[in-house]
Amino acid sequence: MLPTPAPDTASAPDTATAWVRAHLADLCRDEPVASPAFRGGQQAADTALAALDLTGYAARRNEVLPVGRRGATRLSPWIRYGLIDLPTAWAAAADAPARDRTKFRDELAWQEYARHLYARVGRRTAAALRAAPARPAQPWDEPWPAAMNCVATCVEELETDGWLVNQTRMWLSSQWTVRAGAEWTEGEDRFFTHLLDGSRAANRLGWQWTVGGGTGKPYGFSRWQVRKRAPQLCRDCALRDACPIEHWPADAPPEPRPEPDPRLRADPDPEATGGPREPAGEGEPEAVWLTAESLGDADPALAAHPGLPAVFVFDEPLLARLRLSGKRLVFLAETLADLGTRRPVEVHRGTVPGVLRGRAVAVTHAPVPGFRTRAAEVGPVRVHPWPWLFRPHAGPVSSYTAWRKKAR
């Protein structure tokens, strides 16, 4: 058991960073620092949501530079950890201009689709929609060449802030795969290491979309997009007179595609995919087990048991394998510190079953394969429903369009 992280104060502004350095630094791939762009915690999430203004979102969500022109909401890090759940974000758009509200809600629905796909297919999402990346005639030495200003600037923002607008995510993933012909799963891992909103659901689906998974149409990256969305990157680039992405990439020759997973067409057990509709289990919990999928005050298990301590486990074997950037763990430490100002919080380092087995815990169902495995070993006495935006259905999830037709 570790000491609970303390919130920042005027005299100690980086307590979460110091806490991660003291207790988790050996599990990080770099020196733990806080993201200069985002802070973890319910209070930070609530502040961001209260300031949400979707006016112009549809027209400007893909703008890159100057930063002041960006229309992206920047809510995704808090959404990823359940500090803002999708139904809450959906409701927050109610008074936005119609076009902007529709586009914002479409993006939330895409996030929900990614979760449905991952909940149904699990770790096989890496292959379920897989399409081979286009292989260039002249392979690149580096998937993300530092000499390309558009690439180097985006990589710096990724590795410093832990966040990118959707447009530059597409640029980097297309450059990695369609242009350089590198393995997309390795690029996905690079994103996952640094993105504060990194998940095996949305992050992976985005990379698969780029290489043409599900559609067979890879996303091409060329100078045209940079000139349109961030023209100063071209003006200041050492390669502006010899741009390696001046023209659209050539179409890749067709390649055999694997037989799709049959679960893409139909779910034999949508109730298992979606988890319980009502609190399930017997017995009285003595604590609430928090997962990284749901750390907000509105977490159903936390809300149902306000007097119980919350328990969070930094999964040592998992983190040792992933080697995430320290800024992701600092974000989590900030979140736990903030929660600790409102209720008792226990923080552990070890294995989830090793810490929780034998304890009577309540938990909120999480739509990730690891939850099922760990819950089977822990044996929670109460499992609360996940706050779905749309309840998982039994129909196809082979594409967003096919899924959306049945999502209600």
Protein backbone atom coordinates (compact mmCIF):
# COMPACT_ATOMS: atom_id res chain seq x y z
CA MET A 1 0.00 0.00 0.00
CA LEU A 2 1.28 3.44 -0.96
CA PRO A 3 0.58 6.79 0.66
CA THR A 4 -2.32 8.58 -0.96
CA PRO A 5 -1.13 11.37 -3.30
CA ALA A 6 -1.69 14.84 -1.90
CA PRO A 7 -3.23 17.65 -3.94
CA ASP A 8 -1.07 20.49 -5.19
CA THR A 9 -0.77 23.61 -3.07
CA ALA A 10 0.75 27.03 -3.66
CA SER A 11 3.85 26.00 -1.72
CA ALA A 12 4.00 22.49 -3.26
CA PRO A 13 2.69 22.80 -6.84
CA ASP A 14 4.00 19.49 -8.19
CA THR A 15 3.14 16.97 -5.50
CA ALA A 16 1.72 14.39 -7.92
CA THR A 17 4.89 14.48 -9.99
CA ALA A 18 7.01 14.00 -6.88
CA TRP A 19 4.74 11.16 -5.77
CA VAL A 20 5.09 9.31 -9.08
CA ARG A 21 8.85 9.81 -9.05
CA ALA A 22 9.01 8.37 -5.55
CA HIS A 23 6.71 5.36 -6.04
CA LEU A 24 6.33 4.53 -9.75
CA ALA A 25 9.33 5.97 -11.61
CA ASP A 26 10.77 2.54 -12.37
CA LEU A 27 7.60 1.69 -14.31
CA CYS A 28 7.81 4.75 -16.59
CA ARG A 29 9.63 5.06 -19.89
CA ASP A 30 10.78 8.61 -19.11
CA GLU A 31 11.24 11.05 -16.26
CA PRO A 32 7.78 11.62 -14.75
CA VAL A 33 6.48 15.14 -15.33
CA ALA A 34 3.01 16.62 -15.46
CA SER A 35 1.51 17.51 -18.82
CA PRO A 36 1.71 21.30 -19.21
CA ALA A 37 -1.65 21.20 -21.02
CA PHE A 38 -3.86 19.00 -18.81
CA ARG A 39 -4.28 18.19 -15.15
CA GLY A 40 -6.05 15.16 -13.77
CA GLY A 41 -8.94 15.21 -11.34
CA GLN A 42 -12.67 15.77 -11.17
CA GLN A 43 -12.28 19.46 -10.45
CA ALA A 44 -10.21 19.97 -13.59
CA ALA A 45 -12.73 17.95 -15.61
CA ASP A 46 -15.67 19.93 -14.25
CA THR A 47 -13.93 23.20 -15.06
CA ALA A 48 -13.27 22.10 -18.63
CA LEU A 49 -16.84 20.94 -19.13
CA ALA A 50 -18.28 24.14 -17.68
CA ALA A 51 -16.20 26.16 -20.17
CA LEU A 52 -17.34 24.08 -23.15
CA ASP A 53 -18.39 26.29 -26.06
CA LEU A 54 -19.20 24.36 -29.23
CA THR A 55 -19.87 27.40 -31.40
CA GLY A 56 -17.93 26.82 -34.61
CA TYR A 57 -16.89 23.30 -33.60
CA ALA A 58 -17.95 21.66 -36.87
CA ALA A 59 -15.92 24.09 -38.96
CA ARG A 60 -12.83 24.33 -36.75
CA ARG A 61 -12.37 20.97 -35.02
CA ASN A 62 -9.67 19.98 -37.53
CA GLU A 63 -7.72 23.24 -37.44
CA VAL A 64 -4.14 22.79 -36.26
CA LEU A 65 -2.31 26.13 -36.21
CA PRO A 66 -2.38 28.74 -34.97
CA VAL A 67 -3.52 27.19 -31.70
CA GLY A 68 -6.10 29.93 -31.24
CA ARG A 69 -8.01 28.67 -34.29
CA ARG A 70 -8.42 25.16 -32.95
CA GLY A 71 -12.00 24.11 -32.36
CA ALA A 72 -11.29 20.79 -30.64
CA THR A 73 -12.90 20.57 -27.19
CA ARG A 74 -9.85 18.96 -25.47
CA LEU A 75 -12.18 16.94 -23.22
CA SER A 76 -10.80 13.55 -24.27
CA PRO A 77 -8.30 12.97 -21.42
CA TRP A 78 -11.07 13.34 -18.83
CA ILE A 79 -13.49 11.31 -20.93
CA ARG A 80 -10.97 8.49 -21.23
CA TYR A 81 -10.80 8.03 -17.44
CA GLY A 82 -14.50 8.49 -16.80
CA LEU A 83 -14.12 11.89 -15.16
CA ILE A 84 -16.63 12.97 -17.82
CA ASP A 85 -18.78 10.11 -19.07
CA LEU A 86 -20.20 10.12 -22.58
CA PRO A 87 -23.84 10.68 -21.53
CA THR A 88 -22.76 13.77 -19.59
CA ALA A 89 -20.76 15.13 -22.53
CA TRP A 90 -23.71 14.40 -24.84
CA ALA A 91 -26.08 16.35 -22.57
CA ALA A 92 -23.64 19.27 -22.36
CA ALA A 93 -24.11 19.88 -26.11
CA ALA A 94 -27.87 20.39 -25.84
CA ASP A 95 -27.80 24.17 -26.32
CA ALA A 96 -25.06 24.30 -28.98
CA PRO A 97 -25.82 25.44 -32.55
CA ALA A 98 -27.44 22.58 -34.43
CA ARG A 99 -24.57 21.83 -36.84
CA ASP A 100 -21.97 21.97 -34.09
CA ARG A 101 -24.10 19.87 -31.74
CA THR A 102 -24.58 17.21 -34.40
CA LYS A 103 -20.88 17.01 -35.23
CA PHE A 104 -19.83 16.89 -31.58
CA ARG A 105 -22.33 14.16 -30.81
CA ASP A 106 -21.16 12.23 -33.87
CA GLU A 107 -17.66 12.24 -32.40
CA LEU A 108 -18.98 11.01 -29.05
CA ALA A 109 -20.86 8.26 -30.85
CA TRP A 110 -17.65 7.25 -32.62
CA GLN A 111 -16.00 6.92 -29.22
CA GLU A 112 -18.89 4.75 -28.10
CA TYR A 113 -18.56 2.62 -31.24
CA ALA A 114 -14.89 2.04 -30.43
CA ARG A 115 -15.86 0.88 -26.94
CA HIS A 116 -18.57 -1.44 -28.27
CA LEU A 117 -16.15 -2.99 -30.74
CA TYR A 118 -13.48 -3.48 -28.07
CA ALA A 119 -15.96 -4.83 -25.53
CA ARG A 120 -17.23 -7.38 -28.05
CA VAL A 121 -14.02 -8.49 -29.76
CA GLY A 122 -11.47 -7.69 -27.05
CA ARG A 123 -7.79 -7.95 -27.84
CA ARG A 124 -8.60 -9.38 -31.26
CA THR A 125 -9.41 -5.86 -32.44
CA ALA A 126 -5.77 -5.71 -33.56
CA ALA A 127 -6.66 -8.23 -36.27
CA ALA A 128 -10.45 -8.04 -36.58
CA LEU A 129 -10.51 -5.08 -38.98
CA ARG A 130 -6.96 -5.41 -40.15
CA ALA A 131 -5.87 -4.29 -43.59
CA ALA A 132 -2.25 -4.35 -44.72
CA PRO A 133 -0.70 -0.85 -44.88
CA ALA A 134 0.31 0.55 -48.24
CA ARG A 135 3.95 -0.27 -48.98
CA PRO A 136 5.82 2.58 -50.68
CA ALA A 137 8.10 1.96 -53.63
CA GLN A 138 10.98 3.59 -51.73
CA PRO A 139 10.79 2.74 -48.00
CA TRP A 140 11.58 5.58 -45.61
CA ASP A 141 14.49 5.40 -43.17
CA GLU A 142 12.29 6.75 -40.35
CA PRO A 143 8.49 6.58 -40.14
CA TRP A 144 8.45 10.05 -38.56
CA PRO A 145 11.38 11.96 -40.15
CA ALA A 146 12.61 14.77 -37.90
CA ALA A 147 13.44 16.91 -40.94
CA MET A 148 9.74 17.26 -41.77
CA ASN A 149 8.50 20.21 -39.74
CA CYS A 150 4.88 19.05 -39.86
CA VAL A 151 5.88 15.69 -38.40
CA ALA A 152 8.45 16.93 -35.87
CA THR A 153 6.08 19.57 -34.47
CA CYS A 154 3.29 17.03 -33.98
CA VAL A 155 5.59 14.49 -32.37
CA GLU A 156 6.86 17.15 -29.96
CA GLU A 157 3.30 18.03 -28.94
CA LEU A 158 2.47 14.34 -28.51
CA GLU A 159 5.50 13.67 -26.30
CA THR A 160 5.24 16.93 -24.31
CA ASP A 161 1.51 17.50 -23.80
CA GLY A 162 0.26 13.95 -24.26
CA TRP A 163 -2.45 15.10 -26.64
CA LEU A 164 -3.05 15.90 -30.31
CA VAL A 165 -5.97 17.23 -32.31
CA ASN A 166 -7.64 14.59 -34.45
CA GLN A 167 -6.19 16.02 -37.66
CA THR A 168 -2.57 15.63 -36.58
CA ARG A 169 -3.27 12.14 -35.25
CA MET A 170 -4.31 11.26 -38.79
CA TRP A 171 -1.21 12.95 -40.24
CA LEU A 172 1.17 11.01 -38.02
CA SER A 173 -0.56 7.67 -38.41
CA SER A 174 -0.78 8.04 -42.19
CA GLN A 175 2.86 9.10 -42.44
CA TRP A 176 3.84 6.08 -40.34
CA THR A 177 1.86 3.55 -42.35
CA VAL A 178 0.75 4.75 -45.77
CA ARG A 179 3.87 6.82 -46.50
CA ALA A 180 6.63 4.99 -44.63
CA GLY A 181 5.12 1.52 -44.77
CA ALA A 182 5.88 0.81 -41.11
CA GLU A 183 3.85 -1.64 -39.02
CA TRP A 184 0.75 0.16 -37.76
CA THR A 185 0.64 -1.63 -34.41
CA GLU A 186 4.07 -0.21 -33.53
CA GLY A 187 2.83 3.28 -34.32
CA GLU A 188 -0.28 2.67 -32.26
CA ASP A 189 1.94 1.72 -29.34
CA ARG A 190 3.88 4.98 -29.72
CA PHE A 191 0.62 6.90 -29.46
CA PHE A 192 -0.59 4.77 -26.56
CA THR A 193 2.60 5.43 -24.62
CA HIS A 194 2.12 9.20 -24.61
CA LEU A 195 -1.55 10.06 -25.16
CA LEU A 196 -3.36 10.97 -21.94
CA ASP A 197 -6.52 9.74 -23.66
CA GLY A 198 -4.79 6.64 -25.03
CA SER A 199 -6.97 3.55 -25.05
CA ARG A 200 -6.93 0.26 -26.88
CA ALA A 201 -10.43 1.07 -28.07
CA ALA A 202 -10.36 4.51 -29.70
CA ASN A 203 -6.61 4.75 -30.32
CA ARG A 204 -6.44 1.38 -32.04
CA LEU A 205 -9.57 1.98 -34.10
CA GLY A 206 -8.14 5.28 -35.32
CA TRP A 207 -4.99 3.57 -36.58
CA GLN A 208 -7.00 0.83 -38.23
CA TRP A 209 -9.14 3.42 -39.98
CA THR A 210 -5.98 5.11 -41.29
CA VAL A 211 -4.65 1.92 -42.88
CA GLY A 212 -8.06 1.10 -44.33
CA GLY A 213 -9.24 -1.49 -41.85
CA GLY A 214 -12.92 -2.12 -42.46
CA THR A 215 -13.03 0.15 -45.52
CA GLY A 216 -10.00 -0.92 -47.58
CA LYS A 217 -9.25 2.78 -48.26
CA PRO A 218 -6.11 4.06 -46.52
CA TYR A 219 -5.99 7.72 -45.52
CA GLY A 220 -3.44 9.59 -47.62
CA PHE A 221 -1.33 12.37 -46.09
CA SER A 222 0.06 15.11 -48.32
CA ARG A 223 1.33 18.67 -48.21
CA TRP A 224 -2.14 19.91 -49.15
CA GLN A 225 -3.50 19.11 -45.68
CA VAL A 226 -0.63 20.89 -43.94
CA ARG A 227 -0.98 24.00 -46.08
CA LYS A 228 -4.70 24.09 -45.33
CA ARG A 229 -4.58 23.41 -41.58
CA ALA A 230 -1.17 24.74 -40.50
CA PRO A 231 0.51 26.70 -43.33
CA GLN A 232 3.31 28.06 -41.14
CA LEU A 233 4.67 24.53 -40.75
CA CYS A 234 5.39 24.46 -44.48
CA ARG A 235 6.82 27.99 -44.56
CA ASP A 236 9.28 27.19 -41.76
CA CYS A 237 10.28 23.73 -43.00
CA ALA A 238 13.81 22.97 -44.20
CA LEU A 239 12.22 20.73 -46.85
CA ARG A 240 9.76 23.32 -48.18
CA ASP A 241 11.46 23.29 -51.61
CA ALA A 242 11.81 19.51 -51.71
CA CYS A 243 8.76 18.29 -49.83
CA PRO A 244 8.63 14.49 -49.66
CA ILE A 245 4.84 14.57 -49.38
CA GLU A 246 4.16 17.12 -52.13
CA HIS A 247 1.79 14.77 -53.94
CA TRP A 248 -0.80 12.24 -52.85
CA PRO A 249 0.64 8.81 -52.11
CA ALA A 250 0.22 6.25 -54.83
CA ASP A 251 -2.53 3.71 -54.39
CA ALA A 252 -1.26 0.49 -52.91
CA PRO A 253 -1.79 -2.71 -54.87
CA PRO A 254 -4.65 -4.80 -53.48
CA GLU A 255 -3.59 -7.38 -50.95
CA PRO A 256 -5.44 -10.39 -49.54
CA ARG A 257 -7.43 -9.53 -46.45
CA PRO A 258 -8.07 -12.00 -43.65
CA GLU A 259 -11.48 -13.46 -43.10
CA PRO A 260 -13.24 -11.10 -40.70
CA ASP A 261 -14.01 -12.19 -37.18
CA PRO A 262 -17.62 -13.48 -37.19
CA ARG A 263 -18.34 -11.38 -34.12
CA LEU A 264 -18.10 -8.31 -36.33
CA ARG A 265 -21.36 -9.39 -37.94
CA ALA A 266 -23.27 -10.42 -34.81
CA ASP A 267 -22.82 -10.63 -31.05
CA PRO A 268 -23.94 -13.99 -29.66
CA ASP A 269 -24.25 -12.51 -26.15
CA PRO A 270 -24.80 -8.73 -26.12
CA GLU A 271 -25.81 -8.83 -22.45
CA ALA A 272 -22.37 -10.13 -21.50
CA THR A 273 -20.78 -7.47 -23.70
CA GLY A 274 -22.79 -4.70 -22.10
CA GLY A 275 -22.56 -5.90 -18.52
CA PRO A 276 -25.34 -5.74 -15.94
CA ARG A 277 -28.31 -3.43 -16.43
CA GLU A 278 -28.87 -3.16 -12.68
CA PRO A 279 -26.50 -3.59 -9.72
CA ALA A 280 -25.69 -7.29 -9.49
CA GLY A 281 -24.35 -9.46 -6.70
CA GLU A 282 -24.93 -10.23 -3.05
CA GLY A 283 -23.32 -9.01 0.12
CA GLU A 284 -22.35 -5.67 1.58
CA PRO A 285 -19.19 -4.05 0.20
CA GLU A 286 -16.55 -2.60 2.47
CA ALA A 287 -14.76 -0.64 -0.26
CA VAL A 288 -15.14 0.51 -3.87
CA TRP A 289 -12.67 -0.84 -6.40
CA LEU A 290 -11.81 1.85 -8.95
CA THR A 291 -10.59 0.96 -12.43
CA ALA A 292 -8.77 3.30 -14.78
CA GLU A 293 -11.87 3.32 -16.99
CA SER A 294 -14.02 5.08 -14.40
CA LEU A 295 -12.43 7.43 -11.87
CA GLY A 296 -15.02 10.19 -11.71
CA ASP A 297 -17.25 11.16 -8.82
CA ALA A 298 -20.24 9.97 -10.87
CA ASP A 299 -18.82 6.45 -11.16
CA PRO A 300 -21.89 4.33 -10.36
CA ALA A 301 -20.16 2.28 -7.65
CA LEU A 302 -18.71 5.38 -5.98
CA ALA A 303 -22.05 7.18 -6.14
CA ALA A 304 -23.92 4.19 -4.70
CA HIS A 305 -21.54 3.83 -1.76
CA PRO A 306 -20.54 7.36 -0.70
CA GLY A 307 -19.29 6.36 2.73
CA LEU A 308 -16.83 3.69 1.58
CA PRO A 309 -13.15 4.13 0.81
CA ALA A 310 -12.08 3.98 -2.83
CA VAL A 311 -9.27 1.56 -3.71
CA PHE A 312 -7.05 1.93 -6.78
CA VAL A 313 -4.28 -0.45 -7.78
CA PHE A 314 -1.39 0.53 -10.02
CA ASP A 315 -1.09 -2.79 -11.83
CA GLU A 316 2.65 -3.44 -11.57
CA PRO A 317 2.99 -6.28 -14.13
CA LEU A 318 0.86 -4.40 -16.66
CA LEU A 319 2.72 -1.10 -16.24
CA ALA A 320 6.08 -2.85 -16.36
CA ARG A 321 5.09 -4.27 -19.74
CA LEU A 322 3.56 -1.10 -21.16
CA ARG A 323 6.24 1.37 -20.00
CA LEU A 324 3.96 4.36 -20.34
CA SER A 325 5.15 7.92 -20.29
CA GLY A 326 5.31 9.27 -16.75
CA LYS A 327 2.86 12.06 -17.60
CA ARG A 328 0.08 9.49 -17.87
CA LEU A 329 0.79 8.23 -14.36
CA VAL A 330 1.06 11.78 -13.06
CA PHE A 331 -2.40 12.47 -14.52
CA LEU A 332 -3.73 9.45 -12.62
CA ALA A 333 -1.98 10.53 -9.41
CA GLU A 334 -3.52 14.00 -9.73
CA THR A 335 -6.93 12.39 -10.15
CA LEU A 336 -6.52 10.23 -7.05
CA ALA A 337 -5.24 13.19 -5.04
CA ASP A 338 -8.28 15.22 -6.02
CA LEU A 339 -10.65 12.39 -5.13
CA GLY A 340 -8.89 12.06 -1.77
CA THR A 341 -10.10 15.52 -0.81
CA ARG A 342 -13.69 14.20 -0.78
CA ARG A 343 -13.44 10.63 0.50
CA PRO A 344 -10.87 8.12 1.80
CA VAL A 345 -8.67 6.72 -0.99
CA GLU A 346 -6.37 3.72 -0.79
CA VAL A 347 -3.61 3.44 -3.39
CA HIS A 348 -1.68 0.23 -3.97
CA ARG A 349 1.07 -1.05 -6.22
CA GLY A 350 0.92 -4.74 -7.10
CA THR A 351 -1.52 -7.03 -8.83
CA VAL A 352 -5.25 -6.31 -8.70
CA PRO A 353 -6.21 -9.81 -7.50
CA GLY A 354 -3.34 -9.82 -5.02
CA VAL A 355 -4.58 -6.61 -3.42
CA LEU A 356 -8.33 -7.17 -3.62
CA ARG A 357 -8.91 -10.91 -3.40
CA GLY A 358 -10.83 -11.65 -0.23
CA ARG A 359 -12.11 -8.08 0.19
CA ALA A 360 -15.81 -7.32 -0.22
CA VAL A 361 -15.70 -4.69 -2.94
CA ALA A 362 -18.17 -2.95 -5.20
CA VAL A 363 -17.10 -1.97 -8.70
CA THR A 364 -18.48 -0.51 -11.90
CA HIS A 365 -18.41 -2.86 -14.87
CA ALA A 366 -15.73 -1.78 -17.36
CA PRO A 367 -16.02 -2.56 -21.09
CA VAL A 368 -12.46 -3.86 -21.48
CA PRO A 369 -11.25 -7.48 -21.56
CA GLY A 370 -8.89 -7.02 -18.62
CA PHE A 371 -11.80 -6.21 -16.36
CA ARG A 372 -13.49 -9.55 -16.94
CA THR A 373 -10.29 -11.42 -16.12
CA ARG A 374 -9.56 -9.46 -12.96
CA ALA A 375 -13.16 -9.39 -11.77
CA ALA A 376 -13.30 -13.18 -12.05
CA GLU A 377 -10.30 -13.39 -9.71
CA VAL A 378 -11.38 -10.64 -7.31
CA GLY A 379 -15.03 -11.69 -7.00
CA PRO A 380 -16.72 -8.33 -6.27
CA VAL A 381 -19.86 -8.56 -4.14
CA ARG A 382 -21.57 -5.84 -6.19
CA VAL A 383 -21.10 -4.91 -9.85
CA HIS A 384 -22.74 -1.69 -11.04
CA PRO A 385 -23.76 -0.95 -14.65
CA TRP A 386 -21.45 0.90 -17.00
CA PRO A 387 -22.93 4.29 -18.08
CA TRP A 388 -23.34 3.53 -21.77
CA LEU A 389 -24.31 6.25 -24.19
CA PHE A 390 -25.97 3.49 -26.25
CA ARG A 391 -26.47 -0.01 -24.90
CA PRO A 392 -24.49 -2.59 -26.97
CA HIS A 393 -26.64 -4.37 -29.54
CA ALA A 394 -26.33 -7.73 -31.27
CA GLY A 395 -25.99 -6.30 -34.78
CA PRO A 396 -22.90 -5.63 -36.89
CA VAL A 397 -19.90 -3.59 -35.71
CA SER A 398 -17.91 -4.07 -38.92
CA SER A 399 -18.09 -0.32 -39.53
CA TYR A 400 -19.26 2.78 -37.73
CA THR A 401 -22.11 3.20 -40.21
CA ALA A 402 -23.35 -0.36 -39.75
CA TRP A 403 -23.14 -0.05 -35.97
CA ARG A 404 -24.82 3.37 -35.85
CA LYS A 405 -27.94 2.16 -37.66
CA LYS A 406 -28.81 -0.03 -34.67
CA ALA A 407 -27.38 2.10 -31.85
CA ARG A 408 -30.19 3.58 -29.80
